């Protein structure tokens, strides 16, 4: 298929947009059978350049992609969720550099009222940065996550 069109895959995924040699190429949208939506610029069937990801889990990302992986500058958010016992859990927002799907380099992570601004390595705060709360003071220094520290991104 070449040109603008719509394709339904055996997996149930629906592709709409521009195609070249049967692959998404140019502006398009992929709605997965699982309910996730990927939109933006495509090259040879891969999301490349500026795009948007909206997952059924509530995670959203808008920014740069390379080979269908978050790579470059972007903003990732996840709204508040409700636990089985009814307690509202904090969502998060990450604004910064991405490398192969991980927060990498300079960025800002907000989880509830807590804000970390600084360096990231393979998706975790690492290196120089500051930690504080939106309405309170902040601490600055070097962050070295331990094995016991869990970061959910």
N, C-alpha and C. Protein backbone atom coordinates (compact mmCIF):
# COMPACT_ATOMS: atom_id res chain seq x y z
N UNK A 1 0.85 -1.18 0.00
CA UNK A 1 0.00 0.00 0.00
C UNK A 1 0.89 1.23 0.00
N UNK A 2 0.57 2.17 -0.86
CA UNK A 2 1.25 3.46 -0.91
C UNK A 2 0.19 4.56 -0.85
N UNK A 3 0.53 5.66 -0.16
CA UNK A 3 -0.39 6.79 -0.06
C UNK A 3 -1.15 6.76 1.25
N UNK A 4 -2.19 7.58 1.32
CA UNK A 4 -2.98 7.69 2.54
C UNK A 4 -3.98 6.54 2.60
N UNK A 5 -4.12 5.96 3.82
CA UNK A 5 -5.04 4.84 3.93
C UNK A 5 -5.21 4.35 5.35
N UNK A 6 -5.86 3.19 5.44
CA UNK A 6 -6.15 2.55 6.73
C UNK A 6 -5.84 1.07 6.58
N UNK A 7 -5.14 0.51 7.59
CA UNK A 7 -4.77 -0.90 7.54
C UNK A 7 -5.10 -1.54 8.89
N UNK A 8 -5.74 -2.71 8.84
CA UNK A 8 -6.04 -3.47 10.06
C UNK A 8 -5.12 -4.69 10.05
N UNK A 9 -4.30 -4.83 11.10
CA UNK A 9 -3.36 -5.94 11.19
C UNK A 9 -4.02 -7.16 11.82
N UNK A 10 -3.44 -8.33 11.63
CA UNK A 10 -3.95 -9.57 12.21
C UNK A 10 -4.03 -9.48 13.74
N UNK A 11 -3.16 -8.66 14.35
CA UNK A 11 -3.15 -8.48 15.81
C UNK A 11 -4.35 -7.69 16.30
N UNK A 12 -5.06 -7.02 15.36
CA UNK A 12 -6.17 -6.16 15.74
C UNK A 12 -5.79 -4.69 15.78
N UNK A 13 -4.49 -4.40 15.64
CA UNK A 13 -4.04 -3.01 15.60
C UNK A 13 -4.57 -2.34 14.33
N UNK A 14 -4.92 -1.05 14.45
CA UNK A 14 -5.42 -0.29 13.30
C UNK A 14 -4.45 0.85 13.02
N UNK A 15 -3.95 0.91 11.78
CA UNK A 15 -3.03 1.95 11.35
C UNK A 15 -3.76 2.89 10.40
N UNK A 16 -3.64 4.19 10.64
CA UNK A 16 -4.25 5.17 9.75
C UNK A 16 -3.24 6.26 9.47
N UNK A 17 -3.09 6.61 8.21
CA UNK A 17 -2.16 7.67 7.86
C UNK A 17 -1.54 7.41 6.50
N UNK A 18 -0.27 7.79 6.39
CA UNK A 18 0.46 7.68 5.13
C UNK A 18 1.33 6.42 5.13
N UNK A 19 1.35 5.73 4.00
CA UNK A 19 2.08 4.47 3.86
C UNK A 19 3.01 4.52 2.66
N UNK A 20 4.10 3.76 2.78
CA UNK A 20 5.01 3.55 1.65
C UNK A 20 5.45 2.10 1.73
N UNK A 21 5.28 1.36 0.67
CA UNK A 21 5.62 -0.07 0.61
C UNK A 21 4.97 -0.85 1.76
N UNK A 22 3.74 -0.49 2.11
CA UNK A 22 3.00 -1.21 3.14
C UNK A 22 3.36 -0.85 4.57
N UNK A 23 4.25 0.12 4.76
CA UNK A 23 4.66 0.54 6.10
C UNK A 23 4.26 1.99 6.34
N UNK A 24 3.91 2.32 7.61
CA UNK A 24 3.60 3.71 7.94
C UNK A 24 4.82 4.55 7.60
N UNK A 25 4.60 5.64 6.89
CA UNK A 25 5.68 6.53 6.49
C UNK A 25 5.09 7.93 6.32
N UNK A 26 5.41 8.83 7.25
CA UNK A 26 4.80 10.15 7.29
C UNK A 26 3.90 10.23 8.51
N UNK A 27 2.94 11.14 8.46
CA UNK A 27 2.06 11.33 9.61
C UNK A 27 1.05 10.19 9.72
N UNK A 28 0.87 9.68 10.96
CA UNK A 28 -0.08 8.59 11.13
C UNK A 28 -0.37 8.27 12.58
N UNK A 29 -1.34 7.36 12.76
CA UNK A 29 -1.79 6.94 14.09
C UNK A 29 -1.88 5.42 14.12
N UNK A 30 -1.39 4.82 15.22
CA UNK A 30 -1.54 3.38 15.44
C UNK A 30 -2.34 3.18 16.71
N UNK A 31 -3.53 2.59 16.58
CA UNK A 31 -4.36 2.22 17.72
C UNK A 31 -4.17 0.73 17.93
N UNK A 32 -3.59 0.34 19.08
CA UNK A 32 -3.34 -1.08 19.32
C UNK A 32 -4.61 -1.77 19.79
N UNK A 33 -4.66 -3.07 19.61
CA UNK A 33 -5.80 -3.86 20.06
C UNK A 33 -5.96 -3.75 21.57
N UNK A 34 -4.88 -3.48 22.28
CA UNK A 34 -4.91 -3.34 23.74
C UNK A 34 -5.37 -1.98 24.22
N UNK A 35 -5.62 -1.03 23.30
CA UNK A 35 -6.13 0.28 23.69
C UNK A 35 -5.11 1.39 23.75
N UNK A 36 -3.85 1.11 23.43
CA UNK A 36 -2.82 2.15 23.41
C UNK A 36 -2.84 2.88 22.07
N UNK A 37 -2.45 4.16 22.09
CA UNK A 37 -2.46 4.97 20.87
C UNK A 37 -1.08 5.62 20.68
N UNK A 38 -0.53 5.46 19.48
CA UNK A 38 0.75 6.06 19.12
C UNK A 38 0.51 6.93 17.89
N UNK A 39 0.87 8.20 17.96
CA UNK A 39 0.64 9.09 16.83
C UNK A 39 1.86 9.97 16.59
N UNK A 40 2.00 10.41 15.36
CA UNK A 40 3.12 11.29 15.03
C UNK A 40 3.69 10.96 13.67
N UNK A 41 4.99 11.19 13.54
CA UNK A 41 5.70 10.96 12.28
C UNK A 41 6.32 9.56 12.30
N UNK A 42 6.16 8.85 11.20
CA UNK A 42 6.63 7.47 11.08
C UNK A 42 7.62 7.37 9.92
N UNK A 43 8.61 6.48 10.09
CA UNK A 43 9.58 6.18 9.05
C UNK A 43 9.72 4.67 8.97
N UNK A 44 9.41 4.09 7.83
CA UNK A 44 9.52 2.64 7.62
C UNK A 44 8.85 1.85 8.74
N UNK A 45 7.65 2.28 9.14
CA UNK A 45 6.88 1.55 10.15
C UNK A 45 7.26 1.83 11.59
N UNK A 46 8.21 2.74 11.82
CA UNK A 46 8.67 3.07 13.18
C UNK A 46 8.33 4.53 13.48
N UNK A 47 7.86 4.78 14.71
CA UNK A 47 7.60 6.15 15.15
C UNK A 47 8.95 6.84 15.29
N UNK A 48 9.16 7.90 14.53
CA UNK A 48 10.45 8.60 14.51
C UNK A 48 10.21 10.10 14.43
N UNK A 49 10.91 10.85 15.26
CA UNK A 49 10.70 12.30 15.31
C UNK A 49 9.71 12.63 16.41
N UNK A 50 8.90 13.65 16.19
CA UNK A 50 7.94 14.09 17.20
C UNK A 50 6.72 13.19 17.18
N UNK A 51 6.31 12.75 18.38
CA UNK A 51 5.15 11.87 18.47
C UNK A 51 4.51 11.90 19.84
N UNK A 52 3.46 11.11 19.97
CA UNK A 52 2.71 11.04 21.22
C UNK A 52 2.32 9.59 21.49
N UNK A 53 2.42 9.19 22.77
CA UNK A 53 2.03 7.86 23.20
C UNK A 53 1.00 8.03 24.32
N UNK A 54 -0.13 7.35 24.20
CA UNK A 54 -1.15 7.36 25.24
C UNK A 54 -1.47 5.91 25.57
N UNK A 55 -1.08 5.47 26.78
CA UNK A 55 -1.29 4.09 27.18
C UNK A 55 -2.55 3.94 28.01
N UNK A 56 -3.17 2.79 27.91
CA UNK A 56 -4.38 2.52 28.66
C UNK A 56 -4.10 2.58 30.17
N UNK A 57 -2.84 2.39 30.57
CA UNK A 57 -2.44 2.46 31.98
C UNK A 57 -2.50 3.88 32.53
N UNK A 58 -2.63 4.87 31.64
CA UNK A 58 -2.65 6.27 32.07
C UNK A 58 -1.35 7.00 31.78
N UNK A 59 -0.31 6.27 31.41
CA UNK A 59 0.97 6.90 31.07
C UNK A 59 0.84 7.58 29.71
N UNK A 60 1.33 8.83 29.63
CA UNK A 60 1.34 9.56 28.38
C UNK A 60 2.74 10.14 28.17
N UNK A 61 3.16 10.18 26.93
CA UNK A 61 4.45 10.78 26.58
C UNK A 61 4.27 11.58 25.31
N UNK A 62 4.81 12.78 25.32
CA UNK A 62 4.82 13.61 24.12
C UNK A 62 6.23 14.14 23.95
N UNK A 63 6.82 13.84 22.80
CA UNK A 63 8.19 14.28 22.57
C UNK A 63 8.81 13.53 21.41
N UNK A 64 10.12 13.35 21.51
CA UNK A 64 10.87 12.75 20.42
C UNK A 64 10.96 11.23 20.56
N UNK A 65 10.90 10.56 19.40
CA UNK A 65 11.05 9.11 19.31
C UNK A 65 12.13 8.79 18.28
N UNK A 66 12.77 7.64 18.46
CA UNK A 66 13.68 7.08 17.46
C UNK A 66 13.41 5.59 17.43
N UNK A 67 13.11 5.05 16.25
CA UNK A 67 12.83 3.61 16.11
C UNK A 67 11.72 3.16 17.06
N UNK A 68 10.68 3.98 17.25
CA UNK A 68 9.52 3.70 18.11
C UNK A 68 9.85 3.65 19.59
N UNK A 69 10.98 4.22 20.00
CA UNK A 69 11.38 4.28 21.41
C UNK A 69 11.53 5.75 21.80
N UNK A 70 11.09 6.11 23.02
CA UNK A 70 11.25 7.49 23.50
C UNK A 70 12.73 7.83 23.51
N UNK A 71 13.11 8.87 22.78
CA UNK A 71 14.53 9.21 22.65
C UNK A 71 14.64 10.68 22.27
N UNK A 72 15.27 11.48 23.12
CA UNK A 72 15.38 12.92 22.90
C UNK A 72 14.63 13.66 23.99
N UNK A 73 14.11 14.82 23.68
CA UNK A 73 13.37 15.62 24.66
C UNK A 73 11.90 15.24 24.67
N UNK A 74 11.31 15.26 25.87
CA UNK A 74 9.89 14.96 25.95
C UNK A 74 9.34 15.12 27.35
N UNK A 75 8.03 14.97 27.47
CA UNK A 75 7.34 15.06 28.75
C UNK A 75 6.52 13.79 28.92
N UNK A 76 6.75 13.08 30.04
CA UNK A 76 6.00 11.88 30.36
C UNK A 76 5.17 12.15 31.61
N UNK A 77 3.90 11.77 31.59
CA UNK A 77 3.04 11.96 32.75
C UNK A 77 2.24 10.70 33.01
N UNK A 78 1.83 10.57 34.25
CA UNK A 78 0.93 9.50 34.66
C UNK A 78 0.04 10.10 35.73
N UNK A 79 -1.24 10.15 35.48
CA UNK A 79 -2.17 10.74 36.43
C UNK A 79 -2.32 9.91 37.68
N UNK A 80 -2.98 10.47 38.69
CA UNK A 80 -3.21 9.72 39.93
C UNK A 80 -4.00 8.45 39.65
N UNK A 81 -3.68 7.41 40.42
CA UNK A 81 -4.40 6.14 40.31
C UNK A 81 -5.07 5.86 41.64
N UNK A 82 -6.01 4.94 41.64
CA UNK A 82 -6.67 4.56 42.87
C UNK A 82 -6.29 3.13 43.20
N UNK A 83 -5.78 2.92 44.42
CA UNK A 83 -5.39 1.58 44.86
C UNK A 83 -6.65 0.77 45.15
N UNK A 84 -6.48 -0.54 45.32
CA UNK A 84 -7.61 -1.43 45.58
C UNK A 84 -8.39 -1.02 46.83
N UNK A 85 -7.70 -0.41 47.81
CA UNK A 85 -8.39 0.00 49.04
C UNK A 85 -9.02 1.38 48.93
N UNK A 86 -8.99 1.99 47.75
CA UNK A 86 -9.61 3.29 47.54
C UNK A 86 -8.69 4.47 47.76
N UNK A 87 -7.46 4.23 48.25
CA UNK A 87 -6.51 5.31 48.49
C UNK A 87 -6.00 5.84 47.14
N UNK A 88 -5.96 7.17 47.01
CA UNK A 88 -5.45 7.76 45.77
C UNK A 88 -3.93 7.78 45.82
N UNK A 89 -3.32 7.25 44.78
CA UNK A 89 -1.86 7.22 44.68
C UNK A 89 -1.42 8.38 43.80
N UNK A 90 -0.27 8.97 44.12
CA UNK A 90 0.24 10.10 43.35
C UNK A 90 0.64 9.68 41.96
N UNK A 91 0.38 10.55 41.01
CA UNK A 91 0.87 10.33 39.66
C UNK A 91 2.25 10.95 39.55
N UNK A 92 2.80 10.98 38.35
CA UNK A 92 4.11 11.61 38.17
C UNK A 92 4.15 12.38 36.86
N UNK A 93 5.14 13.26 36.78
CA UNK A 93 5.42 13.99 35.55
C UNK A 93 6.93 14.07 35.41
N UNK A 94 7.45 13.68 34.26
CA UNK A 94 8.88 13.80 33.97
C UNK A 94 9.04 14.68 32.75
N UNK A 95 9.90 15.68 32.85
CA UNK A 95 10.17 16.60 31.74
C UNK A 95 11.68 16.64 31.57
N UNK A 96 12.16 16.12 30.45
CA UNK A 96 13.60 16.14 30.24
C UNK A 96 14.04 15.21 29.13
N UNK A 97 15.31 14.88 29.16
CA UNK A 97 15.94 14.08 28.12
C UNK A 97 15.62 12.60 28.30
N UNK A 98 15.47 11.91 27.17
CA UNK A 98 15.22 10.47 27.15
C UNK A 98 16.28 9.81 26.27
N UNK A 99 16.69 8.60 26.65
CA UNK A 99 17.62 7.83 25.83
C UNK A 99 17.16 6.38 25.84
N UNK A 100 16.78 5.88 24.68
CA UNK A 100 16.33 4.50 24.53
C UNK A 100 15.23 4.14 25.52
N UNK A 101 14.30 5.07 25.75
CA UNK A 101 13.16 4.81 26.62
C UNK A 101 13.36 5.13 28.08
N UNK A 102 14.55 5.59 28.47
CA UNK A 102 14.85 5.91 29.87
C UNK A 102 15.13 7.40 30.03
N UNK A 103 14.77 7.94 31.22
CA UNK A 103 15.19 9.30 31.58
C UNK A 103 16.71 9.28 31.65
N UNK A 104 17.35 10.22 30.97
CA UNK A 104 18.82 10.22 30.90
C UNK A 104 19.30 11.66 30.75
N UNK A 105 20.24 12.07 31.60
CA UNK A 105 20.74 13.44 31.53
C UNK A 105 19.91 14.35 32.41
N UNK A 106 19.76 15.60 32.00
CA UNK A 106 19.05 16.59 32.81
C UNK A 106 17.54 16.44 32.68
N UNK A 107 16.84 16.57 33.83
CA UNK A 107 15.39 16.49 33.80
C UNK A 107 14.78 16.87 35.13
N UNK A 108 13.45 16.93 35.14
CA UNK A 108 12.69 17.24 36.35
C UNK A 108 11.62 16.17 36.53
N UNK A 109 11.56 15.58 37.72
CA UNK A 109 10.58 14.56 38.04
C UNK A 109 9.72 15.05 39.19
N UNK A 110 8.41 15.06 39.00
CA UNK A 110 7.48 15.45 40.06
C UNK A 110 6.60 14.25 40.37
N UNK A 111 6.60 13.84 41.64
CA UNK A 111 5.73 12.77 42.13
C UNK A 111 4.94 13.36 43.28
N UNK A 112 3.65 13.56 43.07
CA UNK A 112 2.84 14.23 44.09
C UNK A 112 3.41 15.62 44.34
N UNK A 113 3.72 15.94 45.59
CA UNK A 113 4.29 17.24 45.94
C UNK A 113 5.82 17.25 45.90
N UNK A 114 6.45 16.08 45.73
CA UNK A 114 7.91 15.99 45.71
C UNK A 114 8.42 16.30 44.30
N UNK A 115 9.49 17.11 44.24
CA UNK A 115 10.10 17.46 42.96
C UNK A 115 11.60 17.18 43.03
N UNK A 116 12.12 16.46 42.04
CA UNK A 116 13.56 16.26 41.89
C UNK A 116 13.96 16.91 40.58
N UNK A 117 14.95 17.80 40.65
CA UNK A 117 15.47 18.45 39.45
C UNK A 117 16.96 18.19 39.42
N UNK A 118 17.41 17.52 38.38
CA UNK A 118 18.83 17.22 38.30
C UNK A 118 19.13 16.18 37.24
N UNK A 119 20.13 15.37 37.53
CA UNK A 119 20.62 14.39 36.57
C UNK A 119 19.94 13.03 36.75
N UNK A 120 19.77 12.33 35.63
CA UNK A 120 19.19 10.99 35.62
C UNK A 120 20.13 10.05 34.88
N UNK A 121 20.10 8.79 35.28
CA UNK A 121 20.87 7.76 34.58
C UNK A 121 20.01 6.51 34.51
N UNK A 122 19.76 6.01 33.29
CA UNK A 122 18.94 4.81 33.05
C UNK A 122 17.61 4.85 33.80
N UNK A 123 16.95 6.03 33.80
CA UNK A 123 15.62 6.15 34.37
C UNK A 123 15.55 6.48 35.84
N UNK A 124 16.70 6.64 36.50
CA UNK A 124 16.70 6.92 37.93
C UNK A 124 17.45 8.21 38.23
N UNK A 125 17.01 8.97 39.25
CA UNK A 125 17.79 10.13 39.67
C UNK A 125 19.20 9.68 40.04
N UNK A 126 20.21 10.36 39.50
CA UNK A 126 21.59 9.95 39.75
C UNK A 126 22.50 11.13 39.42
N UNK A 127 23.34 11.50 40.37
CA UNK A 127 24.26 12.61 40.15
C UNK A 127 23.82 13.85 40.89
N UNK A 128 24.16 15.03 40.37
CA UNK A 128 23.82 16.29 41.02
C UNK A 128 22.35 16.60 40.82
N UNK A 129 21.72 17.09 41.90
CA UNK A 129 20.32 17.46 41.78
C UNK A 129 19.79 18.03 43.08
N UNK A 130 18.57 18.50 43.04
CA UNK A 130 17.92 19.01 44.24
C UNK A 130 16.57 18.31 44.40
N UNK A 131 16.22 18.08 45.67
CA UNK A 131 14.96 17.43 46.01
C UNK A 131 14.20 18.37 46.92
N UNK A 132 12.94 18.55 46.68
CA UNK A 132 12.13 19.41 47.53
C UNK A 132 10.66 19.12 47.35
N UNK A 133 9.85 19.89 48.04
CA UNK A 133 8.41 19.78 47.90
C UNK A 133 7.90 21.08 47.30
N UNK A 134 6.78 21.01 46.62
CA UNK A 134 6.26 22.18 45.93
C UNK A 134 6.02 23.36 46.86
N UNK A 135 5.61 23.10 48.12
CA UNK A 135 5.30 24.19 49.04
C UNK A 135 6.27 24.27 50.20
N UNK A 136 7.36 23.52 50.15
CA UNK A 136 8.31 23.49 51.26
C UNK A 136 9.73 23.74 50.76
N UNK A 137 10.68 23.59 51.64
CA UNK A 137 12.08 23.80 51.29
C UNK A 137 12.61 22.71 50.40
N UNK A 138 13.90 22.84 50.05
CA UNK A 138 14.51 21.81 49.22
C UNK A 138 15.91 21.51 49.73
N UNK A 139 16.36 20.30 49.42
CA UNK A 139 17.72 19.89 49.75
C UNK A 139 18.47 19.73 48.44
N UNK A 140 19.74 20.10 48.45
CA UNK A 140 20.56 19.94 47.25
C UNK A 140 21.73 19.04 47.58
N UNK A 141 22.25 18.36 46.58
CA UNK A 141 23.40 17.51 46.80
C UNK A 141 23.52 16.48 45.71
N UNK A 142 24.21 15.39 46.02
CA UNK A 142 24.42 14.31 45.07
C UNK A 142 23.48 13.18 45.42
N UNK A 143 22.77 12.65 44.43
CA UNK A 143 21.84 11.54 44.64
C UNK A 143 22.51 10.26 44.19
N UNK A 144 22.55 9.29 45.08
CA UNK A 144 23.08 7.97 44.75
C UNK A 144 22.05 6.93 45.19
N UNK A 145 21.15 6.52 44.30
CA UNK A 145 20.14 5.53 44.69
C UNK A 145 20.79 4.23 45.15
N UNK A 146 20.22 3.63 46.18
CA UNK A 146 20.69 2.33 46.65
C UNK A 146 19.78 1.25 46.09
N UNK A 147 20.16 0.02 46.28
CA UNK A 147 19.35 -1.09 45.78
C UNK A 147 17.97 -1.09 46.44
N UNK A 148 17.86 -0.56 47.65
CA UNK A 148 16.59 -0.56 48.37
C UNK A 148 15.66 0.55 47.89
N UNK A 149 16.20 1.53 47.17
CA UNK A 149 15.39 2.65 46.69
C UNK A 149 14.63 2.23 45.44
N UNK A 150 13.32 2.48 45.42
CA UNK A 150 12.52 2.12 44.26
C UNK A 150 11.97 3.39 43.62
N UNK A 151 12.18 3.53 42.34
CA UNK A 151 11.63 4.64 41.58
C UNK A 151 10.70 4.04 40.54
N UNK A 152 9.49 4.53 40.47
CA UNK A 152 8.51 4.01 39.52
C UNK A 152 8.28 5.04 38.43
N UNK A 153 8.75 4.75 37.24
CA UNK A 153 8.55 5.65 36.11
C UNK A 153 7.97 4.88 34.97
